[in-house]
Amino acid sequence: GITYHIYPIKNSFYGGGVTVTGLITGTDLLTQLKGKPLGRRVLISTDMLRREERDFLDSISLEEAEKTLGVSIIPVISDGGELCDAMLGADESHAAPGLSGETEFNKYNPPRKRG
């Protein structure tokens, strides 16, 4: 019951031949997503944001991008499990990776209730 759209973002800032996720700018993201059906949120790779910060290489903040697009933007670690959690809505926080305190096993295998 999940509907999603995948939109490739071309790197206009550094040139169309550049295909590195970490070099996508906020301007490219906003320009290419504006007017498209986005649903309730947009998932992006955490690699698109400056390390330890919440902005893109061109200094557009994550909050500014959310306001412009009118949806939440969720940075997701480049990991299949994290992407599944984000797609299913299991974690919509903007918490930095590794701060949850959960082990990977416990995250995907919650403790059984004894009864």
Protein backbone atom coordinates (compact mmCIF):
# COMPACT_ATOMS: atom_id res chain seq x y z
CA GLY A 1 0.00 0.00 0.00
CA ILE A 2 2.95 2.37 -0.42
CA THR A 3 3.16 4.69 -3.40
CA TYR A 4 6.48 6.28 -4.17
CA HIS A 5 8.19 8.14 -7.00
CA ILE A 6 11.86 8.04 -7.84
CA TYR A 7 13.27 11.21 -9.37
CA PRO A 8 16.87 11.23 -10.56
CA ILE A 9 18.58 14.55 -9.87
CA LYS A 10 21.01 15.69 -12.56
CA ASN A 11 24.00 17.67 -11.41
CA SER A 12 23.64 21.00 -13.19
CA PHE A 13 25.92 22.80 -10.73
CA TYR A 14 29.06 20.74 -11.47
CA GLY A 15 27.97 19.36 -14.85
CA GLY A 16 25.80 16.52 -16.10
CA GLY A 17 28.70 14.07 -16.15
CA VAL A 18 29.11 14.30 -12.36
CA THR A 19 27.12 11.46 -10.78
CA VAL A 20 28.34 11.63 -7.17
CA THR A 21 25.45 11.89 -4.70
CA GLY A 22 27.52 14.02 -2.33
CA LEU A 23 27.88 16.74 -4.97
CA ILE A 24 24.15 17.35 -5.51
CA THR A 25 23.27 20.90 -4.46
CA GLY A 26 20.09 22.17 -2.88
CA THR A 27 19.49 24.31 -5.96
CA ASP A 28 19.55 21.26 -8.25
CA LEU A 29 17.25 19.36 -5.90
CA LEU A 30 14.72 22.20 -5.60
CA THR A 31 14.76 23.10 -9.30
CA GLN A 32 14.21 19.54 -10.43
CA LEU A 33 11.60 18.52 -7.83
CA LYS A 34 9.49 21.69 -7.85
CA GLY A 35 6.04 21.01 -9.29
CA LYS A 36 6.36 17.21 -9.16
CA PRO A 37 4.10 15.02 -7.00
CA LEU A 38 6.12 14.51 -3.83
CA GLY A 39 3.63 13.06 -1.38
CA ARG A 40 4.21 13.71 2.32
CA ARG A 41 8.00 13.56 2.32
CA VAL A 42 11.13 13.33 0.22
CA LEU A 43 13.91 10.89 1.08
CA ILE A 44 17.45 11.96 0.23
CA SER A 45 20.85 10.46 0.96
CA THR A 46 22.67 11.89 3.99
CA ASP A 47 25.63 12.19 1.60
CA MET A 48 23.87 15.18 0.00
CA LEU A 49 24.32 17.23 3.18
CA ARG A 50 27.52 18.63 4.63
CA ARG A 51 28.89 16.42 7.37
CA GLU A 52 27.66 17.48 10.84
CA GLU A 53 25.40 20.14 9.29
CA ARG A 54 21.94 20.37 7.81
CA ASP A 55 22.73 22.17 4.58
CA PHE A 56 23.76 21.38 1.01
CA LEU A 57 27.04 22.35 -0.68
CA ASP A 58 25.48 25.58 -1.95
CA SER A 59 24.49 26.55 1.63
CA ILE A 60 20.76 25.96 1.16
CA SER A 61 19.55 24.61 4.49
CA LEU A 62 17.44 21.51 4.82
CA GLU A 63 14.73 23.64 6.46
CA GLU A 64 14.77 26.10 3.55
CA ALA A 65 14.45 23.22 1.06
CA GLU A 66 11.52 21.76 3.03
CA LYS A 67 9.78 25.13 3.06
CA THR A 68 10.31 25.60 -0.68
CA LEU A 69 9.00 22.14 -1.59
CA GLY A 70 6.28 22.10 1.06
CA VAL A 71 7.19 18.62 2.37
CA SER A 72 9.48 17.07 4.94
CA ILE A 73 12.88 16.03 3.63
CA ILE A 74 14.30 12.99 5.38
CA PRO A 75 18.05 12.34 5.09
CA VAL A 76 18.65 8.58 4.99
CA ILE A 77 21.92 6.73 5.49
CA SER A 78 23.04 4.79 2.39
CA ASP A 79 21.91 1.46 3.80
CA GLY A 80 19.12 -0.82 2.58
CA GLY A 81 17.61 -1.34 6.04
CA GLU A 82 17.59 2.37 6.80
CA LEU A 83 15.96 3.07 3.43
CA CYS A 84 13.25 0.47 4.14
CA ASP A 85 12.61 2.00 7.57
CA ALA A 86 12.34 5.46 6.05
CA MET A 87 10.04 4.30 3.25
CA LEU A 88 7.77 2.56 5.78
CA GLY A 89 7.79 5.60 8.06
CA ALA A 90 9.58 3.82 10.90
CA ASP A 91 11.89 6.77 11.52
CA GLU A 92 10.98 10.28 10.40
CA SER A 93 13.41 12.07 12.71
CA HIS A 94 16.36 14.06 11.46
CA ALA A 95 18.60 12.51 14.12
CA ALA A 96 22.24 12.09 13.24
CA PRO A 97 23.26 8.53 12.46
CA GLY A 98 24.34 6.38 15.38
CA LEU A 99 22.67 8.42 18.12
CA SER A 100 19.75 6.09 18.74
CA GLY A 101 21.69 3.69 20.97
CA GLU A 102 20.04 0.67 19.38
CA THR A 103 22.01 -2.16 17.90
CA GLU A 104 21.16 -3.12 14.34
CA PHE A 105 19.83 -6.49 15.51
CA ASN A 106 17.49 -4.91 18.07
CA LYS A 107 16.34 -2.27 15.63
CA TYR A 108 15.00 -4.85 13.19
CA ASN A 109 14.19 -7.60 15.72
CA PRO A 110 12.33 -6.05 18.65
CA PRO A 111 12.22 -8.08 21.90
CA ARG A 112 9.37 -10.54 22.18
CA LYS A 113 6.73 -9.91 24.80
CA ARG A 114 6.52 -12.58 27.43
CA GLY A 115 3.10 -13.47 28.43
